[in-house]
Protein backbone atom coordinates (compact mmCIF):
# COMPACT_ATOMS: atom_id res chain seq x y z
CA MET A 1 -38.63 76.68 84.54
CA SER A 2 -40.90 73.81 85.55
CA GLU A 3 -44.55 73.53 84.76
CA LYS A 4 -46.81 74.64 87.61
CA VAL A 5 -50.44 74.13 88.58
CA THR A 6 -52.19 75.46 91.68
CA PHE A 7 -55.67 74.80 92.99
CA ALA A 8 -57.91 76.57 95.46
CA THR A 9 -61.43 76.00 96.62
CA PHE A 10 -63.83 78.87 96.10
CA ASP A 11 -67.01 80.27 97.55
CA PRO A 12 -69.62 80.27 94.77
CA MET A 13 -71.29 83.25 96.43
CA HIS A 14 -68.16 85.38 95.89
CA PHE A 15 -66.97 84.12 92.51
CA ASP A 16 -68.71 84.19 89.18
CA ALA A 17 -67.96 80.52 88.57
CA PRO A 18 -69.38 78.70 85.56
CA ARG A 19 -72.00 76.00 86.01
CA TYR A 20 -69.70 73.46 84.39
CA CYS A 21 -65.98 72.72 84.40
CA ASP A 22 -64.02 75.00 82.04
CA LEU A 23 -62.02 72.01 80.79
CA CYS A 24 -64.52 69.20 80.21
CA ALA A 25 -67.79 71.19 80.26
CA SER A 26 -69.65 68.30 81.85
CA ASP A 27 -69.23 68.39 85.65
CA PRO A 28 -69.67 71.27 88.08
CA PRO A 29 -66.39 72.89 89.17
CA VAL A 30 -64.99 72.31 92.64
CA PHE A 31 -61.62 74.08 92.24
CA ARG A 32 -60.28 77.32 90.88
CA TYR A 33 -56.99 76.61 89.09
CA GLU A 34 -53.97 78.41 87.65
CA HIS A 35 -51.76 76.56 85.16
CA CYS A 36 -48.36 77.73 83.90
CA ALA A 37 -46.79 75.54 81.25
CA ASP A 38 -43.62 77.59 80.78
CA GLU A 39 -41.88 80.83 81.75
CA SER A 40 -43.84 82.99 79.28
CA ALA A 41 -47.12 81.62 80.67
CA ARG A 42 -46.16 82.75 84.17
CA ARG A 43 -46.88 86.33 83.13
CA SER A 44 -50.40 85.39 82.04
CA PRO A 45 -51.22 81.87 83.28
CA GLU A 46 -54.22 79.87 82.16
CA THR A 47 -56.87 80.20 84.87
CA GLY A 48 -60.36 78.84 85.36
CA PHE A 49 -62.61 76.53 87.29
CA CYS A 50 -62.41 72.73 87.08
CA CYS A 51 -63.99 69.57 88.37
CA SER A 52 -62.05 67.05 90.46
CA ASP A 53 -61.46 64.71 87.49
CA CYS A 54 -59.89 67.50 85.44
CA ALA A 55 -57.80 68.57 88.44
CA VAL A 56 -56.33 65.06 88.53
CA GLU A 57 -55.60 65.26 84.79
CA LEU A 58 -53.84 68.61 85.20
CA LEU A 59 -51.69 67.15 87.98
CA GLU A 60 -50.88 64.10 85.87
CA ASP A 61 -49.78 66.40 83.02
CA VAL A 62 -47.45 68.27 85.39
CA GLN A 63 -46.10 64.98 86.79
CA LEU A 64 -45.39 63.68 83.28
CA ALA A 65 -43.62 66.89 82.27
CA GLU A 66 -41.51 66.79 85.44
CA ALA A 67 -40.61 63.13 84.90
CA GLN A 68 -39.51 63.88 81.34
CA ASP A 69 -37.32 66.77 82.58
CA TRP A 70 -35.70 64.51 85.17
CA GLN A 71 -35.12 61.77 82.61
CA ALA A 72 -33.42 64.23 80.25
CA GLU A 73 -31.27 65.50 83.13
CA GLU A 74 -30.25 61.95 84.08
CA GLU A 75 -29.29 61.19 80.48
CA LEU A 76 -27.10 64.29 80.36
CA ILE A 77 -25.37 63.32 83.60
CA LYS A 78 -24.74 59.78 82.34
CA ALA A 79 -23.37 61.13 79.06
CA ASP A 80 -20.97 63.43 80.94
CA GLY A 81 -19.77 60.40 82.92
């Protein structure tokens, strides 16, 4: 299964959001996120609140993982001829 990350905005009046990003602890959060790195994580994904810079980093991590999966798949196809 592929890695997955989802983002949602949140209403601070309805969520007990931290004052600072859960990931970098320096900027205020602007998104609520859910991150699943593999199939076992889908049952209990990593969740929290993040700033926009950390959201970009999470997306870049997913993009890199997906690119590596595609590269491995292409190598297998080339090897099979």
